[in-house]
Amino acid sequence: MIYHVCKAADWQAAKATGPYTGSADDTRDGFIHFSAAEQLRESVARHRAGQDGLVLLVVDPEALGDALKWEPSRGGALFPHLYGALPATAVVATHDLPLGPDNRHLFPADIP
């Protein structure tokens, strides 16, 4: 599985009106940013620190086809990037991503 974190309101709007096209950062970069399991916590801490009202999308990479590319990013590690919209059918689970008392995000127990 791969993971994407976004505003819960943006995800709800996309589910109601069509595929999710990403955040302003995604639009700027030309692709939707994802993380592999081992990259997730650091990515959220780096790019979403202190942000409330987020949701974690668990996505089946096989459902994205050739639009998903693994490309070098931070430290040369390969990160999954989706060149196109995210269909709701590729999302296998969603989880709220609340802030804990230390202002860090609390991840569900079943997320590695």
PDB file of N, CA and C in Angstrom:
ATOM      1  N   MET A   1       0.826  -1.179   0.000  1.00  0.00           N
ATOM      2  CA  MET A   1       0.000   0.000   0.000  1.00  0.00           C
ATOM      3  C   MET A   1       0.878   1.254   0.000  1.00  0.00           C
ATOM      4  N   ILE A   2       0.316   2.343  -0.532  1.00  0.00           N
ATOM      5  CA  ILE A   2       0.946   3.648  -0.447  1.00  0.00           C
ATOM      6  C   ILE A   2      -0.036   4.586   0.252  1.00  0.00           C
ATOM      7  N   TYR A   3       0.466   5.747   0.684  1.00  0.00           N
ATOM      8  CA  TYR A   3      -0.315   6.611   1.564  1.00  0.00           C
ATOM      9  C   TYR A   3      -0.272   8.058   1.091  1.00  0.00           C
ATOM     10  N   HIS A   4      -1.417   8.730   1.280  1.00  0.00           N
ATOM     11  CA  HIS A   4      -1.516  10.158   0.982  1.00  0.00           C
ATOM     12  C   HIS A   4      -2.277  10.816   2.123  1.00  0.00           C
ATOM     13  N   VAL A   5      -1.802  11.976   2.532  1.00  0.00           N
ATOM     14  CA  VAL A   5      -2.464  12.740   3.588  1.00  0.00           C
ATOM     15  C   VAL A   5      -2.999  14.030   2.971  1.00  0.00           C
ATOM     16  N   CYS A   6      -4.261  14.314   3.268  1.00  0.00           N
ATOM     17  CA  CYS A   6      -4.874  15.528   2.742  1.00  0.00           C
ATOM     18  C   CYS A   6      -5.900  16.057   3.740  1.00  0.00           C
ATOM     19  N   LYS A   7      -6.420  17.239   3.454  1.00  0.00           N
ATOM     20  CA  LYS A   7      -7.477  17.797   4.289  1.00  0.00           C
ATOM     21  C   LYS A   7      -8.721  16.931   4.133  1.00  0.00           C
ATOM     22  N   ALA A   8      -9.344  16.609   5.255  1.00  0.00           N
ATOM     23  CA  ALA A   8     -10.546  15.774   5.227  1.00  0.00           C
ATOM     24  C   ALA A   8     -11.624  16.409   4.361  1.00  0.00           C
ATOM     25  N   ALA A   9     -11.769  17.708   4.436  1.00  0.00           N
ATOM     26  CA  ALA A   9     -12.788  18.396   3.636  1.00  0.00           C
ATOM     27  C   ALA A   9     -12.520  18.252   2.140  1.00  0.00           C
ATOM     28  N   ASP A  10     -11.252  18.292   1.739  1.00  0.00           N
ATOM     29  CA  ASP A  10     -10.910  18.127   0.322  1.00  0.00           C
ATOM     30  C   ASP A  10     -11.244  16.724  -0.158  1.00  0.00           C
ATOM     31  N   TRP A  11     -10.976  15.726   0.674  1.00  0.00           N
ATOM     32  CA  TRP A  11     -11.276  14.344   0.304  1.00  0.00           C
ATOM     33  C   TRP A  11     -12.789  14.140   0.205  1.00  0.00           C
ATOM     34  N   GLN A  12     -13.536  14.670   1.157  1.00  0.00           N
ATOM     35  CA  GLN A  12     -14.997  14.534   1.118  1.00  0.00           C
ATOM     36  C   GLN A  12     -15.574  15.209  -0.126  1.00  0.00           C
ATOM     37  N   ALA A  13     -15.062  16.377  -0.470  1.00  0.00           N
ATOM     38  CA  ALA A  13     -15.533  17.079  -1.665  1.00  0.00           C
ATOM     39  C   ALA A  13     -15.235  16.280  -2.926  1.00  0.00           C
ATOM     40  N   ALA A  14     -14.047  15.694  -2.993  1.00  0.00           N
ATOM     41  CA  ALA A  14     -13.671  14.901  -4.163  1.00  0.00           C
ATOM     42  C   ALA A  14     -14.561  13.670  -4.293  1.00  0.00           C
ATOM     43  N   LYS A  15     -14.866  13.031  -3.177  1.00  0.00           N
ATOM     44  CA  LYS A  15     -15.742  11.851  -3.234  1.00  0.00           C
ATOM     45  C   LYS A  15     -17.132  12.225  -3.733  1.00  0.00           C
ATOM     46  N   ALA A  16     -17.578  13.429  -3.428  1.00  0.00           N
ATOM     47  CA  ALA A  16     -18.916  13.859  -3.827  1.00  0.00           C
ATOM     48  C   ALA A  16     -18.989  14.328  -5.277  1.00  0.00           C
ATOM     49  N   THR A  17     -17.864  14.863  -5.786  1.00  0.00           N
ATOM     50  CA  THR A  17     -17.920  15.491  -7.108  1.00  0.00           C
ATOM     51  C   THR A  17     -17.069  14.824  -8.174  1.00  0.00           C
ATOM     52  N   GLY A  18     -16.208  13.910  -7.802  1.00  0.00           N
ATOM     53  CA  GLY A  18     -15.345  13.277  -8.804  1.00  0.00           C
ATOM     54  C   GLY A  18     -14.023  12.889  -8.205  1.00  0.00           C
ATOM     55  N   PRO A  19     -13.041  12.552  -9.012  1.00  0.00           N
ATOM     56  CA  PRO A  19     -11.755  12.091  -8.475  1.00  0.00           C
ATOM     57  C   PRO A  19     -11.015  13.202  -7.752  1.00  0.00           C
ATOM     58  N   TYR A  20     -10.160  12.795  -6.839  1.00  0.00           N
ATOM     59  CA  TYR A  20      -9.325  13.717  -6.069  1.00  0.00           C
ATOM     60  C   TYR A  20      -8.150  14.147  -6.942  1.00  0.00           C
ATOM     61  N   THR A  21      -7.966  15.450  -7.067  1.00  0.00           N
ATOM     62  CA  THR A  21      -6.905  15.966  -7.938  1.00  0.00           C
ATOM     63  C   THR A  21      -5.709  16.500  -7.174  1.00  0.00           C
ATOM     64  N   GLY A  22      -5.734  16.425  -5.848  1.00  0.00           N
ATOM     65  CA  GLY A  22      -4.584  16.804  -5.055  1.00  0.00           C
ATOM     66  C   GLY A  22      -4.708  18.171  -4.408  1.00  0.00           C
ATOM     67  N   SER A  23      -3.711  18.465  -3.592  1.00  0.00           N
ATOM     68  CA  SER A  23      -3.634  19.736  -2.876  1.00  0.00           C
ATOM     69  C   SER A  23      -3.015  20.798  -3.780  1.00  0.00           C
ATOM     70  N   ALA A  24      -2.919  22.005  -3.256  1.00  0.00           N
ATOM     71  CA  ALA A  24      -2.241  23.086  -3.992  1.00  0.00           C
ATOM     72  C   ALA A  24      -0.781  22.713  -4.249  1.00  0.00           C
ATOM     73  N   ASP A  25      -0.133  22.055  -3.280  1.00  0.00           N
ATOM     74  CA  ASP A  25       1.262  21.618  -3.470  1.00  0.00           C
ATOM     75  C   ASP A  25       1.354  20.582  -4.585  1.00  0.00           C
ATOM     76  N   ASP A  26       0.395  19.655  -4.605  1.00  0.00           N
ATOM     77  CA  ASP A  26       0.381  18.639  -5.662  1.00  0.00           C
ATOM     78  C   ASP A  26       0.215  19.296  -7.031  1.00  0.00           C
ATOM     79  N   THR A  27      -0.734  20.227  -7.117  1.00  0.00           N
ATOM     80  CA  THR A  27      -0.980  20.926  -8.378  1.00  0.00           C
ATOM     81  C   THR A  27       0.275  21.669  -8.828  1.00  0.00           C
ATOM     82  N   ARG A  28       0.935  22.345  -7.896  1.00  0.00           N
ATOM     83  CA  ARG A  28       2.167  23.081  -8.208  1.00  0.00           C
ATOM     84  C   ARG A  28       3.246  22.147  -8.763  1.00  0.00           C
ATOM     85  N   ASP A  29       3.364  20.956  -8.150  1.00  0.00           N
ATOM     86  CA  ASP A  29       4.427  20.029  -8.535  1.00  0.00           C
ATOM     87  C   ASP A  29       4.073  19.170  -9.747  1.00  0.00           C
ATOM     88  N   GLY A  30       2.794  19.136 -10.122  1.00  0.00           N
ATOM     89  CA  GLY A  30       2.378  18.384 -11.307  1.00  0.00           C
ATOM     90  C   GLY A  30       2.064  16.922 -11.054  1.00  0.00           C
ATOM     91  N   PHE A  31       1.999  16.523  -9.796  1.00  0.00           N
ATOM     92  CA  PHE A  31       1.657  15.144  -9.440  1.00  0.00           C
ATOM     93  C   PHE A  31       1.154  15.113  -8.012  1.00  0.00           C
ATOM     94  N   ILE A  32       0.455  14.033  -7.651  1.00  0.00           N
ATOM     95  CA  ILE A  32      -0.003  13.855  -6.284  1.00  0.00           C
ATOM     96  C   ILE A  32       1.076  13.106  -5.519  1.00  0.00           C
ATOM     97  N   HIS A  33       1.482  13.674  -4.395  1.00  0.00           N
ATOM     98  CA  HIS A  33       2.533  13.095  -3.554  1.00  0.00           C
ATOM     99  C   HIS A  33       1.973  11.938  -2.713  1.00  0.00           C
ATOM    100  N   PHE A  34       2.690  10.851  -2.700  1.00  0.00           N
ATOM    101  CA  PHE A  34       2.387   9.708  -1.843  1.00  0.00           C
ATOM    102  C   PHE A  34       3.646   9.327  -1.078  1.00  0.00           C
ATOM    103  N   SER A  35       3.469   8.478  -0.083  1.00  0.00           N
ATOM    104  CA  SER A  35       4.599   7.926   0.665  1.00  0.00           C
ATOM    105  C   SER A  35       4.432   6.429   0.773  1.00  0.00           C
ATOM    106  N   ALA A  36       5.542   5.715   0.793  1.00  0.00           N
ATOM    107  CA  ALA A  36       5.540   4.303   1.158  1.00  0.00           C
ATOM    108  C   ALA A  36       5.439   4.238   2.684  1.00  0.00           C
ATOM    109  N   ALA A  37       5.141   3.077   3.220  1.00  0.00           N
ATOM    110  CA  ALA A  37       4.938   2.925   4.661  1.00  0.00           C
ATOM    111  C   ALA A  37       6.125   3.450   5.463  1.00  0.00           C
ATOM    112  N   GLU A  38       7.333   3.136   5.041  1.00  0.00           N
ATOM    113  CA  GLU A  38       8.516   3.536   5.799  1.00  0.00           C
ATOM    114  C   GLU A  38       8.817   5.031   5.682  1.00  0.00           C
ATOM    115  N   GLN A  39       8.157   5.729   4.772  1.00  0.00           N
ATOM    116  CA  GLN A  39       8.372   7.162   4.568  1.00  0.00           C
ATOM    117  C   GLN A  39       7.277   8.017   5.203  1.00  0.00           C
ATOM    118  N   LEU A  40       6.172   7.386   5.568  1.00  0.00           N
ATOM    119  CA  LEU A  40       4.954   8.107   5.931  1.00  0.00           C
ATOM    120  C   LEU A  40       5.122   9.051   7.109  1.00  0.00           C
ATOM    121  N   ARG A  41       5.590   8.549   8.226  1.00  0.00           N
ATOM    122  CA  ARG A  41       5.654   9.376   9.434  1.00  0.00           C
ATOM    123  C   ARG A  41       6.583  10.581   9.261  1.00  0.00           C
ATOM    124  N   GLU A  42       7.722  10.376   8.642  1.00  0.00           N
ATOM    125  CA  GLU A  42       8.643  11.492   8.420  1.00  0.00           C
ATOM    126  C   GLU A  42       8.039  12.515   7.455  1.00  0.00           C
ATOM    127  N   SER A  43       7.370  12.049   6.413  1.00  0.00           N
ATOM    128  CA  SER A  43       6.743  12.966   5.457  1.00  0.00           C
ATOM    129  C   SER A  43       5.662  13.809   6.121  1.00  0.00           C
ATOM    130  N   VAL A  44       4.844  13.180   6.950  1.00  0.00           N
ATOM    131  CA  VAL A  44       3.784  13.916   7.638  1.00  0.00           C
ATOM    132  C   VAL A  44       4.399  14.925   8.610  1.00  0.00           C
ATOM    133  N   ALA A  45       5.411  14.516   9.359  1.00  0.00           N
ATOM    134  CA  ALA A  45       6.066  15.429  10.300  1.00  0.00           C
ATOM    135  C   ALA A  45       6.707  16.611   9.573  1.00  0.00           C
ATOM    136  N   ARG A  46       7.244  16.371   8.415  1.00  0.00           N
ATOM    137  CA  ARG A  46       7.950  17.406   7.658  1.00  0.00           C
ATOM    138  C   ARG A  46       6.984  18.355   6.938  1.00  0.00           C
ATOM    139  N   HIS A  47       5.929  17.800   6.338  1.00  0.00           N
ATOM    140  CA  HIS A  47       5.073  18.604   5.458  1.00  0.00           C
ATOM    141  C   HIS A  47       3.701  18.949   6.034  1.00  0.00           C
ATOM    142  N   ARG A  48       3.296  18.278   7.114  1.00  0.00           N
ATOM    143  CA  ARG A  48       1.955  18.513   7.675  1.00  0.00           C
ATOM    144  C   ARG A  48       1.996  18.803   9.170  1.00  0.00           C
ATOM    145  N   ALA A  49       3.145  19.167   9.690  1.00  0.00           N
ATOM    146  CA  ALA A  49       3.308  19.401  11.131  1.00  0.00           C
ATOM    147  C   ALA A  49       2.274  20.391  11.653  1.00  0.00           C
ATOM    148  N   GLY A  50       1.588  19.991  12.724  1.00  0.00           N
ATOM    149  CA  GLY A  50       0.639  20.849  13.400  1.00  0.00           C
ATOM    150  C   GLY A  50      -0.680  21.063  12.685  1.00  0.00           C
ATOM    151  N   GLN A  51      -0.874  20.476  11.524  1.00  0.00           N
ATOM    152  CA  GLN A  51      -2.115  20.660  10.774  1.00  0.00           C
ATOM    153  C   GLN A  51      -3.195  19.722  11.303  1.00  0.00           C
ATOM    154  N   ASP A  52      -4.341  20.280  11.563  1.00  0.00           N
ATOM    155  CA  ASP A  52      -5.486  19.504  12.051  1.00  0.00           C
ATOM    156  C   ASP A  52      -6.467  19.282  10.904  1.00  0.00           C
ATOM    157  N   GLY A  53      -7.402  18.361  11.100  1.00  0.00           N
ATOM    158  CA  GLY A  53      -8.435  18.118  10.096  1.00  0.00           C
ATOM    159  C   GLY A  53      -7.944  17.347   8.895  1.00  0.00           C
ATOM    160  N   LEU A  54      -6.961  16.459   9.120  1.00  0.00           N
ATOM    161  CA  LEU A  54      -6.388  15.679   8.025  1.00  0.00           C
ATOM    162  C   LEU A  54      -6.940  14.261   8.007  1.00  0.00           C
ATOM    163  N   VAL A  55      -6.840  13.656   6.845  1.00  0.00           N
ATOM    164  CA  VAL A  55      -7.222  12.261   6.682  1.00  0.00           C
ATOM    165  C   VAL A  55      -6.072  11.540   5.981  1.00  0.00           C
ATOM    166  N   LEU A  56      -5.874  10.299   6.370  1.00  0.00           N
ATOM    167  CA  LEU A  56      -4.859   9.438   5.769  1.00  0.00           C
ATOM    168  C   LEU A  56      -5.561   8.491   4.809  1.00  0.00           C
ATOM    169  N   LEU A  57      -5.163   8.524   3.546  1.00  0.00           N
ATOM    170  CA  LEU A  57      -5.715   7.633   2.535  1.00  0.00           C
ATOM    171  C   LEU A  57      -4.754   6.468   2.330  1.00  0.00           C
ATOM    172  N   VAL A  58      -5.287   5.273   2.397  1.00  0.00           N
ATOM    173  CA  VAL A  58      -4.520   4.059   2.121  1.00  0.00           C
ATOM    174  C   VAL A  58      -4.902   3.631   0.707  1.00  0.00           C
ATOM    175  N   VAL A  59      -3.915   3.565  -0.169  1.00  0.00           N
ATOM    176  CA  VAL A  59      -4.178   3.394  -1.597  1.00  0.00           C
ATOM    177  C   VAL A  59      -3.487   2.148  -2.133  1.00  0.00           C
ATOM    178  N   ASP A  60      -4.221   1.411  -2.953  1.00  0.00           N
ATOM    179  CA  ASP A  60      -3.670   0.248  -3.642  1.00  0.00           C
ATOM    180  C   ASP A  60      -2.903   0.738  -4.870  1.00  0.00           C
ATOM    181  N   PRO A  61      -1.590   0.621  -4.886  1.00  0.00           N
ATOM    182  CA  PRO A  61      -0.826   1.151  -6.018  1.00  0.00           C
ATOM    183  C   PRO A  61      -1.135   0.442  -7.339  1.00  0.00           C
ATOM    184  N   GLU A  62      -1.542  -0.814  -7.266  1.00  0.00           N
ATOM    185  CA  GLU A  62      -1.866  -1.559  -8.487  1.00  0.00           C
ATOM    186  C   GLU A  62      -3.047  -0.942  -9.226  1.00  0.00           C
ATOM    187  N   ALA A  63      -3.935  -0.280  -8.493  1.00  0.00           N
ATOM    188  CA  ALA A  63      -5.130   0.322  -9.099  1.00  0.00           C
ATOM    189  C   ALA A  63      -4.815   1.604  -9.857  1.00  0.00           C
ATOM    190  N   LEU A  64      -3.588   2.092  -9.752  1.00  0.00           N
ATOM    191  CA  LEU A  64      -3.231   3.371 -10.375  1.00  0.00           C
ATOM    192  C   LEU A  64      -2.555   3.214 -11.728  1.00  0.00           C
ATOM    193  N   GLY A  65      -2.136   2.007 -12.050  1.00  0.00           N
ATOM    194  CA  GLY A  65      -1.553   1.742 -13.360  1.00  0.00           C
ATOM    195  C   GLY A  65      -0.294   2.529 -13.638  1.00  0.00           C
ATOM    196  N   ASP A  66      -0.107   2.860 -14.909  1.00  0.00           N
ATOM    197  CA  ASP A  66       1.112   3.526 -15.364  1.00  0.00           C
ATOM    198  C   ASP A  66       1.214   4.991 -14.929  1.00  0.00           C
ATOM    199  N   ALA A  67       0.135   5.540 -14.381  1.00  0.00           N
ATOM    200  CA  ALA A  67       0.173   6.938 -13.924  1.00  0.00           C
ATOM    201  C   ALA A  67       1.006   7.088 -12.643  1.00  0.00           C
ATOM    202  N   LEU A  68       1.284   5.968 -11.962  1.00  0.00           N
ATOM    203  CA  LEU A  68       2.095   5.989 -10.749  1.00  0.00           C
ATOM    204  C   LEU A  68       3.557   5.758 -11.111  1.00  0.00           C
ATOM    205  N   LYS A  69       4.389   6.694 -10.683  1.00  0.00           N
ATOM    206  CA  LYS A  69       5.833   6.610 -10.935  1.00  0.00           C
ATOM    207  C   LYS A  69       6.572   6.680  -9.603  1.00  0.00           C
ATOM    208  N   TRP A  70       7.607   5.873  -9.463  1.00  0.00           N
ATOM    209  CA  TRP A  70       8.481   5.930  -8.286  1.00  0.00           C
ATOM    210  C   TRP A  70       9.696   6.741  -8.683  1.00  0.00           C
ATOM    211  N   GLU A  71       9.848   7.906  -8.043  1.00  0.00           N
ATOM    212  CA  GLU A  71      10.885   8.845  -8.458  1.00  0.00           C
ATOM    213  C   GLU A  71      11.733   9.273  -7.267  1.00  0.00           C
ATOM    214  N   PRO A  72      13.029   9.583  -7.512  1.00  0.00           N
ATOM    215  CA  PRO A  72      13.896  10.019  -6.420  1.00  0.00           C
ATOM    216  C   PRO A  72      13.435  11.352  -5.851  1.00  0.00           C
ATOM    217  N   SER A  73      13.520  11.440  -4.552  1.00  0.00           N
ATOM    218  CA  SER A  73      13.164  12.670  -3.852  1.00  0.00           C
ATOM    219  C   SER A  73      14.118  12.823  -2.686  1.00  0.00           C
ATOM    220  N   ARG A  74      13.588  13.105  -1.512  1.00  0.00           N
ATOM    221  CA  ARG A  74      14.386  13.369  -0.308  1.00  0.00           C
ATOM    222  C   ARG A  74      15.479  12.316  -0.120  1.00  0.00           C
ATOM    223  N   GLY A  75      16.717  12.757  -0.138  1.00  0.00           N
ATOM    224  CA  GLY A  75      17.845  11.869   0.098  1.00  0.00           C
ATOM    225  C   GLY A  75      18.037  10.806  -0.967  1.00  0.00           C
ATOM    226  N   GLY A  76      17.415  10.990  -2.136  1.00  0.00           N
ATOM    227  CA  GLY A  76      17.534  10.015  -3.207  1.00  0.00           C
ATOM    228  C   GLY A  76      16.576   8.836  -3.081  1.00  0.00           C
ATOM    229  N   ALA A  77      15.785   8.789  -2.009  1.00  0.00           N
ATOM    230  CA  ALA A  77      14.812   7.703  -1.842  1.00  0.00           C
ATOM    231  C   ALA A  77      13.731   7.811  -2.905  1.00  0.00           C
ATOM    232  N   LEU A  78      13.221   6.671  -3.341  1.00  0.00           N
ATOM    233  CA  LEU A  78      12.154   6.659  -4.330  1.00  0.00           C
ATOM    234  C   LEU A  78      10.805   6.862  -3.638  1.00  0.00           C
ATOM    235  N   PHE A  79      10.055   7.845  -4.119  1.00  0.00           N
ATOM    236  CA  PHE A  79       8.730   8.149  -3.602  1.00  0.00           C
ATOM    237  C   PHE A  79       7.703   7.927  -4.703  1.00  0.00           C
ATOM    238  N   PRO A  80       6.510   7.462  -4.342  1.00  0.00           N
ATOM    239  CA  PRO A  80       5.451   7.287  -5.338  1.00  0.00           C
ATOM    240  C   PRO A  80       4.780   8.626  -5.668  1.00  0.00           C
ATOM    241  N   HIS A  81       4.685   8.913  -6.959  1.00  0.00           N
ATOM    242  CA  HIS A  81       4.049  10.134  -7.458  1.00  0.00           C
ATOM    243  C   HIS A  81       2.987   9.723  -8.476  1.00  0.00           C
ATOM    244  N   LEU A  82       1.789  10.266  -8.329  1.00  0.00           N
ATOM    245  CA  LEU A  82       0.693   9.951  -9.245  1.00  0.00           C
ATOM    246  C   LEU A  82       0.500  11.105 -10.217  1.00  0.00           C
ATOM    247  N   TYR A  83       0.691  10.821 -11.495  1.00  0.00           N
ATOM    248  CA  TYR A  83       0.501  11.809 -12.546  1.00  0.00           C
ATOM    249  C   TYR A  83      -0.911  11.648 -13.089  1.00  0.00           C
ATOM    250  N   GLY A  84      -1.833  12.275 -12.407  1.00  0.00           N
ATOM    251  CA  GLY A  84      -3.246  12.205 -12.755  1.00  0.00           C
ATOM    252  C   GLY A  84      -4.071  12.250 -11.489  1.00  0.00           C
ATOM    253  N   ALA A  85      -5.366  12.161 -11.648  1.00  0.00           N
ATOM    254  CA  ALA A  85      -6.271  12.211 -10.506  1.00  0.00           C
ATOM    255  C   ALA A  85      -6.330  10.857  -9.798  1.00  0.00           C
ATOM    256  N   LEU A  86      -6.642  10.902  -8.514  1.00  0.00           N
ATOM    257  CA  LEU A  86      -6.773   9.698  -7.710  1.00  0.00           C
ATOM    258  C   LEU A  86      -8.235   9.245  -7.724  1.00  0.00           C
ATOM    259  N   PRO A  87      -8.515   8.090  -8.327  1.00  0.00           N
ATOM    260  CA  PRO A  87      -9.894   7.595  -8.293  1.00  0.00           C
ATOM    261  C   PRO A  87     -10.236   7.049  -6.906  1.00  0.00           C
ATOM    262  N   ALA A  88     -11.429   7.321  -6.440  1.00  0.00           N
ATOM    263  CA  ALA A  88     -11.857   6.844  -5.120  1.00  0.00           C
ATOM    264  C   ALA A  88     -11.795   5.329  -5.034  1.00  0.00           C
ATOM    265  N   THR A  89     -11.930   4.645  -6.143  1.00  0.00           N
ATOM    266  CA  THR A  89     -11.900   3.183  -6.144  1.00  0.00           C
ATOM    267  C   THR A  89     -10.530   2.620  -5.781  1.00  0.00           C
ATOM    268  N   ALA A  90      -9.474   3.431  -5.886  1.00  0.00           N
ATOM    269  CA  ALA A  90      -8.124   2.977  -5.530  1.00  0.00           C
ATOM    270  C   ALA A  90      -7.865   3.093  -4.030  1.00  0.00           C
ATOM    271  N   VAL A  91      -8.722   3.814  -3.320  1.00  0.00           N
ATOM    272  CA  VAL A  91      -8.550   4.034  -1.883  1.00  0.00           C
ATOM    273  C   VAL A  91      -9.209   2.885  -1.137  1.00  0.00           C
ATOM    274  N   VAL A  92      -8.399   2.107  -0.426  1.00  0.00           N
ATOM    275  CA  VAL A  92      -8.917   0.920   0.260  1.00  0.00           C
ATOM    276  C   VAL A  92      -9.307   1.208   1.707  1.00  0.00           C
ATOM    277  N   ALA A  93      -8.820   2.323   2.269  1.00  0.00           N
ATOM    278  CA  ALA A  93      -9.190   2.698   3.635  1.00  0.00           C
ATOM    279  C   ALA A  93      -8.868   4.169   3.840  1.00  0.00           C
ATOM    280  N   THR A  94      -9.597   4.786   4.756  1.00  0.00           N
ATOM    281  CA  THR A  94      -9.301   6.152   5.173  1.00  0.00           C
ATOM    282  C   THR A  94      -9.279   6.185   6.695  1.00  0.00           C
ATOM    283  N   HIS A  95      -8.434   7.025   7.229  1.00  0.00           N
ATOM    284  CA  HIS A  95      -8.310   7.169   8.682  1.00  0.00           C
ATOM    285  C   HIS A  95      -8.171   8.651   9.016  1.00  0.00           C
ATOM    286  N   ASP A  96      -8.890   9.100  10.039  1.00  0.00           N
ATOM    287  CA  ASP A  96      -8.641  10.441  10.553  1.00  0.00           C
ATOM    288  C   ASP A  96      -7.223  10.473  11.101  1.00  0.00           C
ATOM    289  N   LEU A  97      -6.588  11.626  11.008  1.00  0.00           N
ATOM    290  CA  LEU A  97      -5.212  11.784  11.476  1.00  0.00           C
ATOM    291  C   LEU A  97      -5.168  12.948  12.467  1.00  0.00           C
ATOM    292  N   PRO A  98      -5.673  12.710  13.679  1.00  0.00           N
ATOM    293  CA  PRO A  98      -5.755  13.800  14.661  1.00  0.00           C
ATOM    294  C   PRO A  98      -4.388  14.146  15.239  1.00  0.00           C
ATOM    295  N   LEU A  99      -4.362  15.316  15.868  1.00  0.00           N
ATOM    296  CA  LEU A  99      -3.166  15.739  16.584  1.00  0.00           C
ATOM    297  C   LEU A  99      -3.253  15.260  18.024  1.00  0.00           C
ATOM    298  N   GLY A 100      -2.123  14.791  18.552  1.00  0.00           N
ATOM    299  CA  GLY A 100      -2.048  14.387  19.942  1.00  0.00           C
ATOM    300  C   GLY A 100      -1.724  15.576  20.827  1.00  0.00           C
ATOM    301  N   PRO A 101      -1.619  15.335  22.128  1.00  0.00           N
ATOM    302  CA  PRO A 101      -1.324  16.418  23.063  1.00  0.00           C
ATOM    303  C   PRO A 101       0.022  17.092  22.812  1.00  0.00           C
ATOM    304  N   ASP A 102       0.935  16.383  22.160  1.00  0.00           N
ATOM    305  CA  ASP A 102       2.246  16.960  21.840  1.00  0.00           C
ATOM    306  C   ASP A 102       2.253  17.653  20.476  1.00  0.00           C
ATOM    307  N   ASN A 103       1.054  17.785  19.865  1.00  0.00           N
ATOM    308  CA  ASN A 103       0.874  18.432  18.564  1.00  0.00           C
ATOM    309  C   ASN A 103       1.468  17.625  17.409  1.00  0.00           C
ATOM    310  N   ARG A 104       1.681  16.334  17.653  1.00  0.00           N
ATOM    311  CA  ARG A 104       2.129  15.421  16.585  1.00  0.00           C
ATOM    312  C   ARG A 104       0.942  14.552  16.190  1.00  0.00           C
ATOM    313  N   HIS A 105       0.923  14.096  14.946  1.00  0.00           N
ATOM    314  CA  HIS A 105      -0.189  13.298  14.471  1.00  0.00           C
ATOM    315  C   HIS A 105      -0.205  11.902  15.089  1.00  0.00           C
ATOM    316  N   LEU A 106      -1.414  11.438  15.363  1.00  0.00           N
ATOM    317  CA  LEU A 106      -1.623  10.101  15.918  1.00  0.00           C
ATOM    318  C   LEU A 106      -2.038   9.168  14.785  1.00  0.00           C
ATOM    319  N   PHE A 107      -1.210   8.171  14.520  1.00  0.00           N
ATOM    320  CA  PHE A 107      -1.470   7.234  13.421  1.00  0.00           C
ATOM    321  C   PHE A 107      -2.255   6.041  13.932  1.00  0.00           C
ATOM    322  N   PRO A 108      -3.117   5.474  13.094  1.00  0.00           N
ATOM    323  CA  PRO A 108      -3.842   4.269  13.490  1.00  0.00           C
ATOM    324  C   PRO A 108      -2.873   3.120  13.771  1.00  0.00           C
ATOM    325  N   ALA A 109      -3.271   2.244  14.671  1.00  0.00           N
ATOM    326  CA  ALA A 109      -2.403   1.132  15.064  1.00  0.00           C
ATOM    327  C   ALA A 109      -2.081   0.194  13.906  1.00  0.00           C
ATOM    328  N   ASP A 110      -2.972   0.088  12.917  1.00  0.00           N
ATOM    329  CA  ASP A 110      -2.743  -0.862  11.818  1.00  0.00           C
ATOM    330  C   ASP A 110      -1.911  -0.279  10.674  1.00  0.00           C
ATOM    331  N   ILE A 111      -1.412   0.940  10.855  1.00  0.00           N
ATOM    332  CA  ILE A 111      -0.533   1.547   9.847  1.00  0.00           C
ATOM    333  C   ILE A 111       0.912   1.319  10.294  1.00  0.00           C
ATOM    334  N   PRO A 112       1.720   0.700   9.412  1.00  0.00           N
ATOM    335  CA  PRO A 112       3.103   0.392   9.810  1.00  0.00           C
ATOM    336  C   PRO A 112       3.928   1.610  10.199  1.00  0.00           C
TER     337      PRO A 112
END
